[in-house]
């Protein structure tokens, strides 16, 4: 089921202008000791795992399906899996599970982003990235990927200390259209990264409601 609002934005932004996808740019990012995948999903993020094949993996996702993926596919990798959500503070929340598991979110979907009612709700624990990472030693330099269906700004707000050892952050951010109730504005995300000494360096993908943006420390660029 695709409602009229979704048809309108699909026709205008997808069919008329197309989508830009260029994950080959990952090859231009620096080597890292540890890759932090926030929002693993039921299929993981193989493109990143292959690119950073020698890096330790820290995987963060509240859903059991993501943990099962790791157990079934990453037995040859050094990894740690944390089954929880991450945000700007500790709490307990309900995540809305959609038929397409990768669309599950803590936020309520707006009409423009609607593909069907959630099939269930699960209570999950929310912690900060800094709390998870603080107890980990010898991570070296890290790279971070974030895909949390509208919760990306909350994630980085709880990762200020971790950002200090990050060589890049690739985040699936929302832009232009409000696809979740109360979601952040694009400029808010960019400004937060700027305030924490990161600058936008690459656009990995550009799609109707989202764009995968890469941020790197200013000190490494200038």
C-alpha atoms as a PDB file:
ATOM      1  CA  UNK A   1       0.000   0.000   0.000  1.00  0.00           C
ATOM      2  CA  UNK A   2       1.370   3.363  -1.067  1.00  0.00           C
ATOM      3  CA  UNK A   3      -0.707   6.403  -0.177  1.00  0.00           C
ATOM      4  CA  UNK A   4      -1.139   9.474  -2.370  1.00  0.00           C
ATOM      5  CA  UNK A   5       1.452  11.521  -0.450  1.00  0.00           C
ATOM      6  CA  UNK A   6       4.081   8.807  -0.927  1.00  0.00           C
ATOM      7  CA  UNK A   7       3.217   8.511  -4.631  1.00  0.00           C
ATOM      8  CA  UNK A   8       3.685  12.244  -5.024  1.00  0.00           C
ATOM      9  CA  UNK A   9       7.117  12.358  -3.430  1.00  0.00           C
ATOM     10  CA  UNK A  10       8.206   9.170  -5.218  1.00  0.00           C
ATOM     11  CA  UNK A  11       7.197  10.567  -8.583  1.00  0.00           C
ATOM     12  CA  UNK A  12       8.903  13.886  -7.989  1.00  0.00           C
ATOM     13  CA  UNK A  13      12.058  12.902  -6.184  1.00  0.00           C
ATOM     14  CA  UNK A  14      12.691   9.337  -7.294  1.00  0.00           C
ATOM     15  CA  UNK A  15      11.502   8.938 -10.863  1.00  0.00           C
ATOM     16  CA  UNK A  16      12.223  12.498 -11.905  1.00  0.00           C
ATOM     17  CA  UNK A  17      15.628  13.065 -10.289  1.00  0.00           C
ATOM     18  CA  UNK A  18      16.751   9.521  -9.464  1.00  0.00           C
ATOM     19  CA  UNK A  19      18.818   8.320  -6.517  1.00  0.00           C
ATOM     20  CA  UNK A  20      22.529   8.803  -5.972  1.00  0.00           C
ATOM     21  CA  UNK A  21      24.378   5.856  -4.444  1.00  0.00           C
ATOM     22  CA  UNK A  22      28.173   5.710  -4.248  1.00  0.00           C
ATOM     23  CA  UNK A  23      29.439   3.383  -1.529  1.00  0.00           C
ATOM     24  CA  UNK A  24      32.761   3.060  -3.374  1.00  0.00           C
ATOM     25  CA  UNK A  25      33.713   6.242  -1.526  1.00  0.00           C
ATOM     26  CA  UNK A  26      34.293   4.074   1.530  1.00  0.00           C
ATOM     27  CA  UNK A  27      37.623   3.178  -0.061  1.00  0.00           C
ATOM     28  CA  UNK A  28      38.735   6.777   0.456  1.00  0.00           C
ATOM     29  CA  UNK A  29      38.155   6.695   4.204  1.00  0.00           C
ATOM     30  CA  UNK A  30      41.085   6.033   6.559  1.00  0.00           C
ATOM     31  CA  UNK A  31      41.861   2.672   8.100  1.00  0.00           C
ATOM     32  CA  UNK A  32      40.531   2.192  11.631  1.00  0.00           C
ATOM     33  CA  UNK A  33      41.080  -0.223  14.481  1.00  0.00           C
ATOM     34  CA  UNK A  34      37.416  -0.586  15.462  1.00  0.00           C
ATOM     35  CA  UNK A  35      34.215  -0.220  13.464  1.00  0.00           C
ATOM     36  CA  UNK A  36      31.065   0.657  15.443  1.00  0.00           C
ATOM     37  CA  UNK A  37      27.854  -0.312  13.659  1.00  0.00           C
ATOM     38  CA  UNK A  38      24.803   1.337  15.226  1.00  0.00           C
ATOM     39  CA  UNK A  39      21.647  -0.102  13.711  1.00  0.00           C
ATOM     40  CA  UNK A  40      22.813  -3.471  12.428  1.00  0.00           C
ATOM     41  CA  UNK A  41      19.483  -4.748  11.153  1.00  0.00           C
ATOM     42  CA  UNK A  42      18.684  -8.317  10.160  1.00  0.00           C
ATOM     43  CA  UNK A  43      21.125  -8.193   7.234  1.00  0.00           C
ATOM     44  CA  UNK A  44      24.049  -6.401   8.862  1.00  0.00           C
ATOM     45  CA  UNK A  45      26.189  -3.897   6.947  1.00  0.00           C
ATOM     46  CA  UNK A  46      28.427  -6.137   4.795  1.00  0.00           C
ATOM     47  CA  UNK A  47      29.737  -3.271   2.667  1.00  0.00           C
ATOM     48  CA  UNK A  48      31.370  -1.738   5.752  1.00  0.00           C
ATOM     49  CA  UNK A  49      32.478  -5.095   7.194  1.00  0.00           C
ATOM     50  CA  UNK A  50      34.252  -5.956   3.944  1.00  0.00           C
ATOM     51  CA  UNK A  51      35.860  -2.529   3.591  1.00  0.00           C
ATOM     52  CA  UNK A  52      37.175  -2.640   7.157  1.00  0.00           C
ATOM     53  CA  UNK A  53      37.933  -6.337   7.127  1.00  0.00           C
ATOM     54  CA  UNK A  54      40.770  -6.086   9.646  1.00  0.00           C
ATOM     55  CA  UNK A  55      38.880  -3.960  12.165  1.00  0.00           C
ATOM     56  CA  UNK A  56      37.254  -5.196  15.351  1.00  0.00           C
ATOM     57  CA  UNK A  57      33.464  -4.829  15.202  1.00  0.00           C
ATOM     58  CA  UNK A  58      31.231  -3.344  17.875  1.00  0.00           C
ATOM     59  CA  UNK A  59      27.623  -3.983  16.903  1.00  0.00           C
ATOM     60  CA  UNK A  60      24.703  -2.189  18.556  1.00  0.00           C
ATOM     61  CA  UNK A  61      21.059  -3.025  17.862  1.00  0.00           C
ATOM     62  CA  UNK A  62      18.050  -3.634  20.137  1.00  0.00           C
ATOM     63  CA  UNK A  63      16.561  -6.441  18.054  1.00  0.00           C
ATOM     64  CA  UNK A  64      17.244 -10.150  18.439  1.00  0.00           C
ATOM     65  CA  UNK A  65      17.138 -10.542  14.649  1.00  0.00           C
ATOM     66  CA  UNK A  66      20.313  -8.449  14.399  1.00  0.00           C
ATOM     67  CA  UNK A  67      22.055 -10.577  17.027  1.00  0.00           C
ATOM     68  CA  UNK A  68      21.106 -13.714  15.106  1.00  0.00           C
ATOM     69  CA  UNK A  69      22.597 -12.199  11.953  1.00  0.00           C
ATOM     70  CA  UNK A  70      25.905 -11.632  13.746  1.00  0.00           C
ATOM     71  CA  UNK A  71      25.959 -15.128  15.186  1.00  0.00           C
ATOM     72  CA  UNK A  72      25.263 -16.685  11.786  1.00  0.00           C
ATOM     73  CA  UNK A  73      27.524 -14.517   9.627  1.00  0.00           C
ATOM     74  CA  UNK A  74      30.393 -13.094  11.642  1.00  0.00           C
ATOM     75  CA  UNK A  75      31.943 -16.132  13.295  1.00  0.00           C
ATOM     76  CA  UNK A  76      35.219 -15.343  11.520  1.00  0.00           C
ATOM     77  CA  UNK A  77      35.368 -11.790  12.885  1.00  0.00           C
ATOM     78  CA  UNK A  78      36.294 -10.342  16.267  1.00  0.00           C
ATOM     79  CA  UNK A  79      33.097  -8.652  17.388  1.00  0.00           C
ATOM     80  CA  UNK A  80      30.997  -7.667  20.383  1.00  0.00           C
ATOM     81  CA  UNK A  81      27.239  -7.354  20.174  1.00  0.00           C
ATOM     82  CA  UNK A  82      25.189  -5.070  22.429  1.00  0.00           C
ATOM     83  CA  UNK A  83      21.453  -5.731  22.280  1.00  0.00           C
ATOM     84  CA  UNK A  84      20.122  -2.315  23.218  1.00  0.00           C
ATOM     85  CA  UNK A  85      19.198   1.004  21.697  1.00  0.00           C
ATOM     86  CA  UNK A  86      21.383   4.087  22.003  1.00  0.00           C
ATOM     87  CA  UNK A  87      20.411   7.700  22.490  1.00  0.00           C
ATOM     88  CA  UNK A  88      21.240  10.843  24.441  1.00  0.00           C
ATOM     89  CA  UNK A  89      20.183   9.445  27.837  1.00  0.00           C
ATOM     90  CA  UNK A  90      19.313   6.200  29.586  1.00  0.00           C
ATOM     91  CA  UNK A  91      15.682   5.151  29.421  1.00  0.00           C
ATOM     92  CA  UNK A  92      13.286   2.424  28.404  1.00  0.00           C
ATOM     93  CA  UNK A  93      11.230   2.916  25.261  1.00  0.00           C
ATOM     94  CA  UNK A  94       8.963   0.990  22.916  1.00  0.00           C
ATOM     95  CA  UNK A  95      10.235   0.397  19.395  1.00  0.00           C
ATOM     96  CA  UNK A  96       7.597  -0.005  16.692  1.00  0.00           C
ATOM     97  CA  UNK A  97       8.366  -3.112  14.639  1.00  0.00           C
ATOM     98  CA  UNK A  98       7.440  -2.881  10.968  1.00  0.00           C
ATOM     99  CA  UNK A  99       7.035  -5.705   8.462  1.00  0.00           C
ATOM    100  CA  UNK A 100      10.199  -4.416   6.825  1.00  0.00           C
ATOM    101  CA  UNK A 101      12.323  -4.800   9.944  1.00  0.00           C
ATOM    102  CA  UNK A 102      14.822  -2.163   8.845  1.00  0.00           C
ATOM    103  CA  UNK A 103      12.126   0.505   9.082  1.00  0.00           C
ATOM    104  CA  UNK A 104      11.414  -0.159  12.772  1.00  0.00           C
ATOM    105  CA  UNK A 105      11.729   3.010  14.820  1.00  0.00           C
ATOM    106  CA  UNK A 106      11.260   4.571  18.237  1.00  0.00           C
ATOM    107  CA  UNK A 107       9.442   7.419  16.495  1.00  0.00           C
ATOM    108  CA  UNK A 108       5.989   7.574  14.932  1.00  0.00           C
ATOM    109  CA  UNK A 109       5.946   7.516  11.146  1.00  0.00           C
ATOM    110  CA  UNK A 110       4.439  10.460   9.271  1.00  0.00           C
ATOM    111  CA  UNK A 111       2.090   9.951   6.316  1.00  0.00           C
ATOM    112  CA  UNK A 112       4.802  10.662   3.758  1.00  0.00           C
ATOM    113  CA  UNK A 113       6.850   7.747   5.126  1.00  0.00           C
ATOM    114  CA  UNK A 114       3.975   5.346   5.804  1.00  0.00           C
ATOM    115  CA  UNK A 115       4.135   1.768   4.493  1.00  0.00           C
ATOM    116  CA  UNK A 116       1.757   0.122   6.943  1.00  0.00           C
ATOM    117  CA  UNK A 117       0.994  -0.062  10.641  1.00  0.00           C
ATOM    118  CA  UNK A 118       3.594  -1.588  12.971  1.00  0.00           C
ATOM    119  CA  UNK A 119       3.145  -5.330  13.422  1.00  0.00           C
ATOM    120  CA  UNK A 120       4.261  -5.201  17.071  1.00  0.00           C
ATOM    121  CA  UNK A 121       5.926  -3.125  19.784  1.00  0.00           C
ATOM    122  CA  UNK A 122       8.930  -4.186  21.873  1.00  0.00           C
ATOM    123  CA  UNK A 123      10.205  -2.589  25.055  1.00  0.00           C
ATOM    124  CA  UNK A 124      13.939  -1.899  24.806  1.00  0.00           C
ATOM    125  CA  UNK A 125      16.637  -0.392  26.951  1.00  0.00           C
ATOM    126  CA  UNK A 126      18.291   2.828  25.760  1.00  0.00           C
ATOM    127  CA  UNK A 127      21.828   3.745  26.865  1.00  0.00           C
ATOM    128  CA  UNK A 128      24.428   6.135  25.508  1.00  0.00           C
ATOM    129  CA  UNK A 129      27.224   5.116  23.182  1.00  0.00           C
ATOM    130  CA  UNK A 130      29.693   6.694  25.601  1.00  0.00           C
ATOM    131  CA  UNK A 131      28.503   4.423  28.407  1.00  0.00           C
ATOM    132  CA  UNK A 132      28.954   1.338  26.229  1.00  0.00           C
ATOM    133  CA  UNK A 133      32.333   2.407  24.862  1.00  0.00           C
ATOM    134  CA  UNK A 134      33.726   3.892  28.091  1.00  0.00           C
ATOM    135  CA  UNK A 135      34.474   0.483  29.568  1.00  0.00           C
ATOM    136  CA  UNK A 136      36.240  -0.742  26.437  1.00  0.00           C
ATOM    137  CA  UNK A 137      40.008  -0.462  26.299  1.00  0.00           C
ATOM    138  CA  UNK A 138      42.389  -0.457  23.357  1.00  0.00           C
ATOM    139  CA  UNK A 139      39.815   0.435  20.712  1.00  0.00           C
ATOM    140  CA  UNK A 140      42.340   2.613  18.921  1.00  0.00           C
ATOM    141  CA  UNK A 141      40.805   4.731  16.202  1.00  0.00           C
ATOM    142  CA  UNK A 142      37.168   4.075  15.371  1.00  0.00           C
ATOM    143  CA  UNK A 143      34.743   4.559  12.533  1.00  0.00           C
ATOM    144  CA  UNK A 144      31.008   4.827  13.164  1.00  0.00           C
ATOM    145  CA  UNK A 145      27.952   4.034  11.041  1.00  0.00           C
ATOM    146  CA  UNK A 146      24.503   5.135  12.271  1.00  0.00           C
ATOM    147  CA  UNK A 147      21.162   3.998  10.863  1.00  0.00           C
ATOM    148  CA  UNK A 148      18.456   4.417  13.491  1.00  0.00           C
ATOM    149  CA  UNK A 149      15.373   5.552  11.574  1.00  0.00           C
ATOM    150  CA  UNK A 150      15.136   9.167  12.690  1.00  0.00           C
ATOM    151  CA  UNK A 151      17.035   8.809  15.972  1.00  0.00           C
ATOM    152  CA  UNK A 152      20.473   9.731  14.627  1.00  0.00           C
ATOM    153  CA  UNK A 153      20.821  13.079  16.405  1.00  0.00           C
ATOM    154  CA  UNK A 154      19.961  11.464  19.742  1.00  0.00           C
ATOM    155  CA  UNK A 155      22.676   8.864  19.086  1.00  0.00           C
ATOM    156  CA  UNK A 156      25.501  11.336  18.467  1.00  0.00           C
ATOM    157  CA  UNK A 157      24.430  13.483  21.415  1.00  0.00           C
ATOM    158  CA  UNK A 158      25.185  10.479  23.590  1.00  0.00           C
ATOM    159  CA  UNK A 159      28.520   9.828  21.880  1.00  0.00           C
ATOM    160  CA  UNK A 160      30.529  13.007  22.486  1.00  0.00           C
ATOM    161  CA  UNK A 161      33.472  11.196  24.085  1.00  0.00           C
ATOM    162  CA  UNK A 162      33.486   8.449  21.483  1.00  0.00           C
ATOM    163  CA  UNK A 163      33.568  11.042  18.713  1.00  0.00           C
ATOM    164  CA  UNK A 164      36.948  12.164  20.033  1.00  0.00           C
ATOM    165  CA  UNK A 165      38.526   8.922  18.804  1.00  0.00           C
ATOM    166  CA  UNK A 166      36.457   8.650  15.619  1.00  0.00           C
ATOM    167  CA  UNK A 167      38.034   9.106  12.207  1.00  0.00           C
ATOM    168  CA  UNK A 168      34.664   9.214  10.468  1.00  0.00           C
ATOM    169  CA  UNK A 169      30.917   9.038  11.077  1.00  0.00           C
ATOM    170  CA  UNK A 170      28.595   7.862   8.308  1.00  0.00           C
ATOM    171  CA  UNK A 171      24.998   8.593   9.289  1.00  0.00           C
ATOM    172  CA  UNK A 172      21.739   8.003   7.474  1.00  0.00           C
ATOM    173  CA  UNK A 173      20.170  11.383   8.145  1.00  0.00           C
ATOM    174  CA  UNK A 174      16.726  12.763   7.440  1.00  0.00           C
ATOM    175  CA  UNK A 175      16.432  15.763   5.135  1.00  0.00           C
ATOM    176  CA  UNK A 176      13.902  18.208   3.683  1.00  0.00           C
ATOM    177  CA  UNK A 177      10.716  16.295   4.546  1.00  0.00           C
ATOM    178  CA  UNK A 178       9.503  15.316   8.022  1.00  0.00           C
ATOM    179  CA  UNK A 179       9.198  11.538   7.774  1.00  0.00           C
ATOM    180  CA  UNK A 180       8.888  10.969  11.554  1.00  0.00           C
ATOM    181  CA  UNK A 181       6.972  12.967  14.142  1.00  0.00           C
ATOM    182  CA  UNK A 182       9.254  15.413  15.922  1.00  0.00           C
ATOM    183  CA  UNK A 183      12.358  14.421  13.984  1.00  0.00           C
ATOM    184  CA  UNK A 184      15.439  16.632  13.955  1.00  0.00           C
ATOM    185  CA  UNK A 185      16.197  19.091  11.171  1.00  0.00           C
ATOM    186  CA  UNK A 186      19.119  18.439   8.848  1.00  0.00           C
ATOM    187  CA  UNK A 187      20.874  21.636   9.945  1.00  0.00           C
ATOM    188  CA  UNK A 188      20.616  20.524  13.574  1.00  0.00           C
ATOM    189  CA  UNK A 189      22.530  17.336  12.869  1.00  0.00           C
ATOM    190  CA  UNK A 190      25.175  19.096  10.800  1.00  0.00           C
ATOM    191  CA  UNK A 191      25.564  21.841  13.379  1.00  0.00           C
ATOM    192  CA  UNK A 192      26.013  19.319  16.203  1.00  0.00           C
ATOM    193  CA  UNK A 193      28.757  17.563  14.276  1.00  0.00           C
ATOM    194  CA  UNK A 194      30.383  20.915  13.527  1.00  0.00           C
ATOM    195  CA  UNK A 195      30.307  21.850  17.218  1.00  0.00           C
ATOM    196  CA  UNK A 196      32.098  18.576  17.951  1.00  0.00           C
ATOM    197  CA  UNK A 197      34.863  19.325  15.446  1.00  0.00           C
ATOM    198  CA  UNK A 198      33.531  17.315  12.482  1.00  0.00           C
ATOM    199  CA  UNK A 199      32.881  18.540   8.968  1.00  0.00           C
ATOM    200  CA  UNK A 200      30.750  17.079   6.188  1.00  0.00           C
ATOM    201  CA  UNK A 201      33.126  15.562   3.632  1.00  0.00           C
ATOM    202  CA  UNK A 202      31.149  13.143   1.474  1.00  0.00           C
ATOM    203  CA  UNK A 203      27.623  12.321   0.335  1.00  0.00           C
ATOM    204  CA  UNK A 204      27.445   8.557   0.025  1.00  0.00           C
ATOM    205  CA  UNK A 205      23.787   8.378  -1.034  1.00  0.00           C
ATOM    206  CA  UNK A 206      20.940  10.794  -1.662  1.00  0.00           C
ATOM    207  CA  UNK A 207      17.381   9.490  -1.620  1.00  0.00           C
ATOM    208  CA  UNK A 208      13.911  11.081  -1.346  1.00  0.00           C
ATOM    209  CA  UNK A 209      13.772  11.197   2.465  1.00  0.00           C
ATOM    210  CA  UNK A 210      17.281  10.265   3.566  1.00  0.00           C
ATOM    211  CA  UNK A 211      20.919  10.803   2.705  1.00  0.00           C
ATOM    212  CA  UNK A 212      23.962   8.903   3.926  1.00  0.00           C
ATOM    213  CA  UNK A 213      26.427  11.617   4.906  1.00  0.00           C
ATOM    214  CA  UNK A 214      30.045  11.196   5.935  1.00  0.00           C
ATOM    215  CA  UNK A 215      31.635  13.445   8.542  1.00  0.00           C
ATOM    216  CA  UNK A 216      35.343  13.547   9.388  1.00  0.00           C
ATOM    217  CA  UNK A 217      37.364  15.433  12.018  1.00  0.00           C
ATOM    218  CA  UNK A 218      38.228  18.945  10.872  1.00  0.00           C
ATOM    219  CA  UNK A 219      41.802  18.467  12.034  1.00  0.00           C
ATOM    220  CA  UNK A 220      42.213  15.616   9.523  1.00  0.00           C
ATOM    221  CA  UNK A 221      40.876  17.664   6.619  1.00  0.00           C
ATOM    222  CA  UNK A 222      42.478  21.074   6.989  1.00  0.00           C
END
